[in-house]
Amino acid sequence: MAVKKFKDGTIYKPVAIPNSYERINLKKPNLWQAINQFVTSQVQGIAQNVDIIAFVLILGGCIGVVHANGAIKLGDAGFI
């Protein structure tokens, strides 16, 4: 019944299709593999997000320069 509605477009969001579940046999990692995954996952996470990290560092540097020039204090004084 649900498969028929999914095919004709009545149901358009992702749903579980009955009797389509298949169990996958996975091997548990040994201690060395677990340590290796722990160390490399941190490096991979940084490598995948280096653009966000660089943006935050550059933005912080710009705010630091503006603060060092006293522009934030002068701008604050002008509004009070």
PDB file of N, CA and C in Angstrom:
ATOM      1  N   MET A   1       0.818  -1.187   0.000  1.00  0.00           N
ATOM      2  CA  MET A   1       0.000   0.000   0.000  1.00  0.00           C
ATOM      3  C   MET A   1       0.869   1.260   0.000  1.00  0.00           C
ATOM      4  N   ALA A   2       1.874   1.331   0.902  1.00  0.00           N
ATOM      5  CA  ALA A   2       2.725   2.513   0.986  1.00  0.00           C
ATOM      6  C   ALA A   2       3.607   2.643  -0.247  1.00  0.00           C
ATOM      7  N   VAL A   3       4.046   1.529  -0.810  1.00  0.00           N
ATOM      8  CA  VAL A   3       4.886   1.564  -2.009  1.00  0.00           C
ATOM      9  C   VAL A   3       4.103   2.140  -3.181  1.00  0.00           C
ATOM     10  N   LYS A   4       2.836   1.783  -3.290  1.00  0.00           N
ATOM     11  CA  LYS A   4       1.982   2.278  -4.369  1.00  0.00           C
ATOM     12  C   LYS A   4       1.821   3.803  -4.274  1.00  0.00           C
ATOM     13  N   LYS A   5       1.580   4.312  -3.063  1.00  0.00           N
ATOM     14  CA  LYS A   5       1.436   5.752  -2.867  1.00  0.00           C
ATOM     15  C   LYS A   5       2.751   6.481  -3.135  1.00  0.00           C
ATOM     16  N   PHE A   6       3.857   5.841  -2.807  1.00  0.00           N
ATOM     17  CA  PHE A   6       5.163   6.443  -3.057  1.00  0.00           C
ATOM     18  C   PHE A   6       5.438   6.540  -4.561  1.00  0.00           C
ATOM     19  N   LYS A   7       5.061   5.516  -5.302  1.00  0.00           N
ATOM     20  CA  LYS A   7       5.294   5.503  -6.748  1.00  0.00           C
ATOM     21  C   LYS A   7       4.394   6.482  -7.498  1.00  0.00           C
ATOM     22  N   ASP A   8       3.145   6.639  -7.067  1.00  0.00           N
ATOM     23  CA  ASP A   8       2.246   7.545  -7.800  1.00  0.00           C
ATOM     24  C   ASP A   8       2.376   8.998  -7.358  1.00  0.00           C
ATOM     25  N   GLY A   9       3.186   9.284  -6.322  1.00  0.00           N
ATOM     26  CA  GLY A   9       3.448  10.663  -5.930  1.00  0.00           C
ATOM     27  C   GLY A   9       2.616  11.164  -4.775  1.00  0.00           C
ATOM     28  N   THR A  10       1.738  10.342  -4.221  1.00  0.00           N
ATOM     29  CA  THR A  10       0.930  10.763  -3.081  1.00  0.00           C
ATOM     30  C   THR A  10       1.832  11.053  -1.880  1.00  0.00           C
ATOM     31  N   ILE A  11       2.788  10.167  -1.663  1.00  0.00           N
ATOM     32  CA  ILE A  11       3.791  10.367  -0.614  1.00  0.00           C
ATOM     33  C   ILE A  11       5.049  10.870  -1.314  1.00  0.00           C
ATOM     34  N   TYR A  12       5.492  12.071  -0.964  1.00  0.00           N
ATOM     35  CA  TYR A  12       6.653  12.643  -1.637  1.00  0.00           C
ATOM     36  C   TYR A  12       7.857  12.821  -0.722  1.00  0.00           C
ATOM     37  N   LYS A  13       7.687  12.596   0.567  1.00  0.00           N
ATOM     38  CA  LYS A  13       8.828  12.705   1.469  1.00  0.00           C
ATOM     39  C   LYS A  13       9.444  11.321   1.676  1.00  0.00           C
ATOM     40  N   PRO A  14      10.696  11.264   2.094  1.00  0.00           N
ATOM     41  CA  PRO A  14      11.344   9.963   2.299  1.00  0.00           C
ATOM     42  C   PRO A  14      10.646   9.146   3.375  1.00  0.00           C
ATOM     43  N   VAL A  15      10.325   7.914   3.056  1.00  0.00           N
ATOM     44  CA  VAL A  15       9.697   6.998   4.006  1.00  0.00           C
ATOM     45  C   VAL A  15      10.411   5.657   3.928  1.00  0.00           C
ATOM     46  N   ALA A  16      10.245   4.862   4.955  1.00  0.00           N
ATOM     47  CA  ALA A  16      10.802   3.519   4.944  1.00  0.00           C
ATOM     48  C   ALA A  16       9.912   2.623   4.087  1.00  0.00           C
ATOM     49  N   ILE A  17      10.519   1.905   3.176  1.00  0.00           N
ATOM     50  CA  ILE A  17       9.763   0.988   2.322  1.00  0.00           C
ATOM     51  C   ILE A  17       9.736  -0.372   3.015  1.00  0.00           C
ATOM     52  N   PRO A  18       8.558  -0.956   3.210  1.00  0.00           N
ATOM     53  CA  PRO A  18       8.453  -2.232   3.917  1.00  0.00           C
ATOM     54  C   PRO A  18       9.275  -3.333   3.244  1.00  0.00           C
ATOM     55  N   ASN A  19       9.888  -4.167   4.063  1.00  0.00           N
ATOM     56  CA  ASN A  19      10.686  -5.323   3.633  1.00  0.00           C
ATOM     57  C   ASN A  19      11.892  -4.940   2.785  1.00  0.00           C
ATOM     58  N   SER A  20      12.389  -3.711   2.933  1.00  0.00           N
ATOM     59  CA  SER A  20      13.568  -3.304   2.168  1.00  0.00           C
ATOM     60  C   SER A  20      14.814  -3.242   3.040  1.00  0.00           C
ATOM     61  N   TYR A  21      14.672  -3.519   4.335  1.00  0.00           N
ATOM     62  CA  TYR A  21      15.798  -3.471   5.263  1.00  0.00           C
ATOM     63  C   TYR A  21      16.689  -4.686   5.070  1.00  0.00           C
ATOM     64  N   GLU A  22      17.984  -4.440   4.977  1.00  0.00           N
ATOM     65  CA  GLU A  22      18.940  -5.536   4.846  1.00  0.00           C
ATOM     66  C   GLU A  22      20.087  -5.288   5.808  1.00  0.00           C
ATOM     67  N   ARG A  23      20.369  -6.234   6.671  1.00  0.00           N
ATOM     68  CA  ARG A  23      21.437  -6.087   7.659  1.00  0.00           C
ATOM     69  C   ARG A  23      22.792  -6.273   6.994  1.00  0.00           C
ATOM     70  N   ILE A  24      23.726  -5.406   7.326  1.00  0.00           N
ATOM     71  CA  ILE A  24      25.082  -5.455   6.777  1.00  0.00           C
ATOM     72  C   ILE A  24      26.011  -5.980   7.857  1.00  0.00           C
ATOM     73  N   ASN A  25      26.836  -6.940   7.523  1.00  0.00           N
ATOM     74  CA  ASN A  25      27.803  -7.475   8.475  1.00  0.00           C
ATOM     75  C   ASN A  25      29.024  -6.564   8.506  1.00  0.00           C
ATOM     76  N   LEU A  26      29.277  -5.991   9.661  1.00  0.00           N
ATOM     77  CA  LEU A  26      30.421  -5.113   9.838  1.00  0.00           C
ATOM     78  C   LEU A  26      31.413  -5.751  10.792  1.00  0.00           C
ATOM     79  N   LYS A  27      32.686  -5.555  10.506  1.00  0.00           N
ATOM     80  CA  LYS A  27      33.722  -6.053  11.399  1.00  0.00           C
ATOM     81  C   LYS A  27      34.065  -4.965  12.400  1.00  0.00           C
ATOM     82  N   LYS A  28      34.178  -5.338  13.665  1.00  0.00           N
ATOM     83  CA  LYS A  28      34.567  -4.380  14.686  1.00  0.00           C
ATOM     84  C   LYS A  28      36.064  -4.105  14.552  1.00  0.00           C
ATOM     85  N   PRO A  29      36.465  -2.828  14.646  1.00  0.00           N
ATOM     86  CA  PRO A  29      37.891  -2.519  14.522  1.00  0.00           C
ATOM     87  C   PRO A  29      38.663  -3.000  15.744  1.00  0.00           C
ATOM     88  N   ASN A  30      39.919  -3.393  15.518  1.00  0.00           N
ATOM     89  CA  ASN A  30      40.760  -3.768  16.652  1.00  0.00           C
ATOM     90  C   ASN A  30      41.312  -2.495  17.296  1.00  0.00           C
ATOM     91  N   LEU A  31      42.097  -2.632  18.325  1.00  0.00           N
ATOM     92  CA  LEU A  31      42.591  -1.480  19.087  1.00  0.00           C
ATOM     93  C   LEU A  31      43.422  -0.550  18.210  1.00  0.00           C
ATOM     94  N   TRP A  32      44.314  -1.101  17.392  1.00  0.00           N
ATOM     95  CA  TRP A  32      45.177  -0.271  16.543  1.00  0.00           C
ATOM     96  C   TRP A  32      44.337   0.526  15.529  1.00  0.00           C
ATOM     97  N   GLN A  33      43.334  -0.086  14.945  1.00  0.00           N
ATOM     98  CA  GLN A  33      42.474   0.613  13.986  1.00  0.00           C
ATOM     99  C   GLN A  33      41.669   1.716  14.678  1.00  0.00           C
ATOM    100  N   ALA A  34      41.221   1.461  15.897  1.00  0.00           N
ATOM    101  CA  ALA A  34      40.460   2.465  16.639  1.00  0.00           C
ATOM    102  C   ALA A  34      41.332   3.673  16.975  1.00  0.00           C
ATOM    103  N   ILE A  35      42.572   3.437  17.370  1.00  0.00           N
ATOM    104  CA  ILE A  35      43.496   4.535  17.669  1.00  0.00           C
ATOM    105  C   ILE A  35      43.803   5.307  16.389  1.00  0.00           C
ATOM    106  N   ASN A  36      44.022   4.595  15.296  1.00  0.00           N
ATOM    107  CA  ASN A  36      44.316   5.227  14.019  1.00  0.00           C
ATOM    108  C   ASN A  36      43.142   6.101  13.556  1.00  0.00           C
ATOM    109  N   GLN A  37      41.926   5.606  13.694  1.00  0.00           N
ATOM    110  CA  GLN A  37      40.744   6.385  13.323  1.00  0.00           C
ATOM    111  C   GLN A  37      40.612   7.622  14.199  1.00  0.00           C
ATOM    112  N   PHE A  38      40.912   7.492  15.477  1.00  0.00           N
ATOM    113  CA  PHE A  38      40.800   8.623  16.404  1.00  0.00           C
ATOM    114  C   PHE A  38      41.774   9.731  16.028  1.00  0.00           C
ATOM    115  N   VAL A  39      43.013   9.370  15.700  1.00  0.00           N
ATOM    116  CA  VAL A  39      44.028  10.369  15.362  1.00  0.00           C
ATOM    117  C   VAL A  39      43.751  10.987  13.994  1.00  0.00           C
ATOM    118  N   THR A  40      43.449  10.174  13.001  1.00  0.00           N
ATOM    119  CA  THR A  40      43.253  10.706  11.650  1.00  0.00           C
ATOM    120  C   THR A  40      41.941  11.462  11.503  1.00  0.00           C
ATOM    121  N   SER A  41      40.932  11.152  12.302  1.00  0.00           N
ATOM    122  CA  SER A  41      39.654  11.866  12.177  1.00  0.00           C
ATOM    123  C   SER A  41      39.796  13.327  12.573  1.00  0.00           C
ATOM    124  N   GLN A  42      40.643  13.618  13.532  1.00  0.00           N
ATOM    125  CA  GLN A  42      40.853  15.008  13.933  1.00  0.00           C
ATOM    126  C   GLN A  42      41.551  15.789  12.821  1.00  0.00           C
ATOM    127  N   VAL A  43      42.540  15.190  12.194  1.00  0.00           N
ATOM    128  CA  VAL A  43      43.260  15.844  11.101  1.00  0.00           C
ATOM    129  C   VAL A  43      42.330  16.028   9.909  1.00  0.00           C
ATOM    130  N   GLN A  44      41.535  15.028   9.595  1.00  0.00           N
ATOM    131  CA  GLN A  44      40.600  15.135   8.477  1.00  0.00           C
ATOM    132  C   GLN A  44      39.541  16.200   8.743  1.00  0.00           C
ATOM    133  N   GLY A  45      39.074  16.311   9.969  1.00  0.00           N
ATOM    134  CA  GLY A  45      38.088  17.323  10.321  1.00  0.00           C
ATOM    135  C   GLY A  45      38.632  18.728  10.146  1.00  0.00           C
ATOM    136  N   ILE A  46      39.877  18.941  10.544  1.00  0.00           N
ATOM    137  CA  ILE A  46      40.495  20.247  10.362  1.00  0.00           C
ATOM    138  C   ILE A  46      40.715  20.527   8.880  1.00  0.00           C
ATOM    139  N   ALA A  47      41.158  19.534   8.128  1.00  0.00           N
ATOM    140  CA  ALA A  47      41.411  19.717   6.697  1.00  0.00           C
ATOM    141  C   ALA A  47      40.120  20.022   5.937  1.00  0.00           C
ATOM    142  N   GLN A  48      39.018  19.420   6.313  1.00  0.00           N
ATOM    143  CA  GLN A  48      37.754  19.654   5.624  1.00  0.00           C
ATOM    144  C   GLN A  48      37.161  21.017   5.954  1.00  0.00           C
ATOM    145  N   ASN A  49      37.526  21.598   7.090  1.00  0.00           N
ATOM    146  CA  ASN A  49      36.937  22.865   7.526  1.00  0.00           C
ATOM    147  C   ASN A  49      37.951  23.993   7.586  1.00  0.00           C
ATOM    148  N   VAL A  50      39.030  23.882   6.836  1.00  0.00           N
ATOM    149  CA  VAL A  50      40.083  24.897   6.891  1.00  0.00           C
ATOM    150  C   VAL A  50      39.571  26.249   6.393  1.00  0.00           C
ATOM    151  N   ASP A  51      38.619  26.280   5.485  1.00  0.00           N
ATOM    152  CA  ASP A  51      38.096  27.552   5.004  1.00  0.00           C
ATOM    153  C   ASP A  51      37.338  28.300   6.096  1.00  0.00           C
ATOM    154  N   ILE A  52      36.587  27.586   6.918  1.00  0.00           N
ATOM    155  CA  ILE A  52      35.859  28.217   8.018  1.00  0.00           C
ATOM    156  C   ILE A  52      36.838  28.696   9.086  1.00  0.00           C
ATOM    157  N   ILE A  53      37.851  27.891   9.367  1.00  0.00           N
ATOM    158  CA  ILE A  53      38.853  28.256  10.365  1.00  0.00           C
ATOM    159  C   ILE A  53      39.597  29.515   9.922  1.00  0.00           C
ATOM    160  N   ALA A  54      39.998  29.581   8.648  1.00  0.00           N
ATOM    161  CA  ALA A  54      40.696  30.756   8.131  1.00  0.00           C
ATOM    162  C   ALA A  54      39.802  31.991   8.192  1.00  0.00           C
ATOM    163  N   PHE A  55      38.527  31.849   7.860  1.00  0.00           N
ATOM    164  CA  PHE A  55      37.597  32.979   7.911  1.00  0.00           C
ATOM    165  C   PHE A  55      37.483  33.531   9.324  1.00  0.00           C
ATOM    166  N   VAL A  56      37.355  32.661  10.308  1.00  0.00           N
ATOM    167  CA  VAL A  56      37.224  33.105  11.699  1.00  0.00           C
ATOM    168  C   VAL A  56      38.503  33.810  12.156  1.00  0.00           C
ATOM    169  N   LEU A  57      39.669  33.269  11.776  1.00  0.00           N
ATOM    170  CA  LEU A  57      40.927  33.905  12.160  1.00  0.00           C
ATOM    171  C   LEU A  57      41.086  35.268  11.511  1.00  0.00           C
ATOM    172  N   ILE A  58      40.749  35.390  10.236  1.00  0.00           N
ATOM    173  CA  ILE A  58      40.855  36.682   9.536  1.00  0.00           C
ATOM    174  C   ILE A  58      39.877  37.687  10.127  1.00  0.00           C
ATOM    175  N   LEU A  59      38.658  37.252  10.394  1.00  0.00           N
ATOM    176  CA  LEU A  59      37.670  38.142  10.996  1.00  0.00           C
ATOM    177  C   LEU A  59      38.131  38.626  12.368  1.00  0.00           C
ATOM    178  N   GLY A  60      38.687  37.741  13.157  1.00  0.00           N
ATOM    179  CA  GLY A  60      39.210  38.122  14.470  1.00  0.00           C
ATOM    180  C   GLY A  60      40.359  39.112  14.345  1.00  0.00           C
ATOM    181  N   GLY A  61      41.217  38.915  13.341  1.00  0.00           N
ATOM    182  CA  GLY A  61      42.314  39.854  13.108  1.00  0.00           C
ATOM    183  C   GLY A  61      41.807  41.229  12.721  1.00  0.00           C
ATOM    184  N   CYS A  62      40.783  41.275  11.877  1.00  0.00           N
ATOM    185  CA  CYS A  62      40.205  42.569  11.467  1.00  0.00           C
ATOM    186  C   CYS A  62      39.592  43.290  12.665  1.00  0.00           C
ATOM    187  N   ILE A  63      38.887  42.560  13.490  1.00  0.00           N
ATOM    188  CA  ILE A  63      38.299  43.174  14.685  1.00  0.00           C
ATOM    189  C   ILE A  63      39.403  43.649  15.628  1.00  0.00           C
ATOM    190  N   GLY A  64      40.485  42.892  15.723  1.00  0.00           N
ATOM    191  CA  GLY A  64      41.618  43.307  16.562  1.00  0.00           C
ATOM    192  C   GLY A  64      42.261  44.581  16.061  1.00  0.00           C
ATOM    193  N   VAL A  65      42.410  44.734  14.746  1.00  0.00           N
ATOM    194  CA  VAL A  65      42.994  45.952  14.171  1.00  0.00           C
ATOM    195  C   VAL A  65      42.090  47.142  14.438  1.00  0.00           C
ATOM    196  N   VAL A  66      40.785  46.981  14.230  1.00  0.00           N
ATOM    197  CA  VAL A  66      39.841  48.079  14.479  1.00  0.00           C
ATOM    198  C   VAL A  66      39.852  48.459  15.951  1.00  0.00           C
ATOM    199  N   HIS A  67      39.929  47.481  16.816  1.00  0.00           N
ATOM    200  CA  HIS A  67      39.973  47.760  18.255  1.00  0.00           C
ATOM    201  C   HIS A  67      41.270  48.463  18.636  1.00  0.00           C
ATOM    202  N   ALA A  68      42.401  48.055  18.062  1.00  0.00           N
ATOM    203  CA  ALA A  68      43.691  48.665  18.372  1.00  0.00           C
ATOM    204  C   ALA A  68      43.739  50.116  17.908  1.00  0.00           C
ATOM    205  N   ASN A  69      43.057  50.442  16.837  1.00  0.00           N
ATOM    206  CA  ASN A  69      43.019  51.822  16.352  1.00  0.00           C
ATOM    207  C   ASN A  69      42.125  52.707  17.201  1.00  0.00           C
ATOM    208  N   GLY A  70      41.298  52.142  18.024  1.00  0.00           N
ATOM    209  CA  GLY A  70      40.412  52.912  18.875  1.00  0.00           C
ATOM    210  C   GLY A  70      39.105  53.281  18.203  1.00  0.00           C
ATOM    211  N   ALA A  71      38.841  52.719  17.033  1.00  0.00           N
ATOM    212  CA  ALA A  71      37.631  53.066  16.298  1.00  0.00           C
ATOM    213  C   ALA A  71      36.376  52.591  17.016  1.00  0.00           C
ATOM    214  N   ILE A  72      36.450  51.483  17.698  1.00  0.00           N
ATOM    215  CA  ILE A  72      35.281  50.974  18.418  1.00  0.00           C
ATOM    216  C   ILE A  72      34.940  51.908  19.576  1.00  0.00           C
ATOM    217  N   LYS A  73      35.967  52.383  20.282  1.00  0.00           N
ATOM    218  CA  LYS A  73      35.735  53.290  21.401  1.00  0.00           C
ATOM    219  C   LYS A  73      35.173  54.619  20.924  1.00  0.00           C
ATOM    220  N   LEU A  74      35.717  55.148  19.821  1.00  0.00           N
ATOM    221  CA  LEU A  74      35.220  56.418  19.274  1.00  0.00           C
ATOM    222  C   LEU A  74      33.784  56.269  18.747  1.00  0.00           C
ATOM    223  N   GLY A  75      33.511  55.173  18.109  1.00  0.00           N
ATOM    224  CA  GLY A  75      32.158  54.937  17.601  1.00  0.00           C
ATOM    225  C   GLY A  75      31.164  54.799  18.733  1.00  0.00           C
ATOM    226  N   ASP A  76      31.578  54.156  19.800  1.00  0.00           N
ATOM    227  CA  ASP A  76      30.732  54.000  20.982  1.00  0.00           C
ATOM    228  C   ASP A  76      30.463  55.343  21.630  1.00  0.00           C
ATOM    229  N   ALA A  77      31.497  56.192  21.715  1.00  0.00           N
ATOM    230  CA  ALA A  77      31.365  57.511  22.348  1.00  0.00           C
ATOM    231  C   ALA A  77      30.442  58.412  21.545  1.00  0.00           C
ATOM    232  N   GLY A  78      30.404  58.236  20.242  1.00  0.00           N
ATOM    233  CA  GLY A  78      29.561  59.071  19.391  1.00  0.00           C
ATOM    234  C   GLY A  78      28.082  58.808  19.574  1.00  0.00           C
ATOM    235  N   PHE A  79      27.721  57.624  19.969  1.00  0.00           N
ATOM    236  CA  PHE A  79      26.309  57.267  20.110  1.00  0.00           C
ATOM    237  C   PHE A  79      25.774  57.501  21.511  1.00  0.00           C
ATOM    238  N   ILE A  80      26.659  57.752  22.449  1.00  0.00           N
ATOM    239  CA  ILE A  80      26.196  57.917  23.846  1.00  0.00           C
ATOM    240  C   ILE A  80      26.012  59.367  24.168  1.00  0.00           C
TER     241      ILE A  80
END
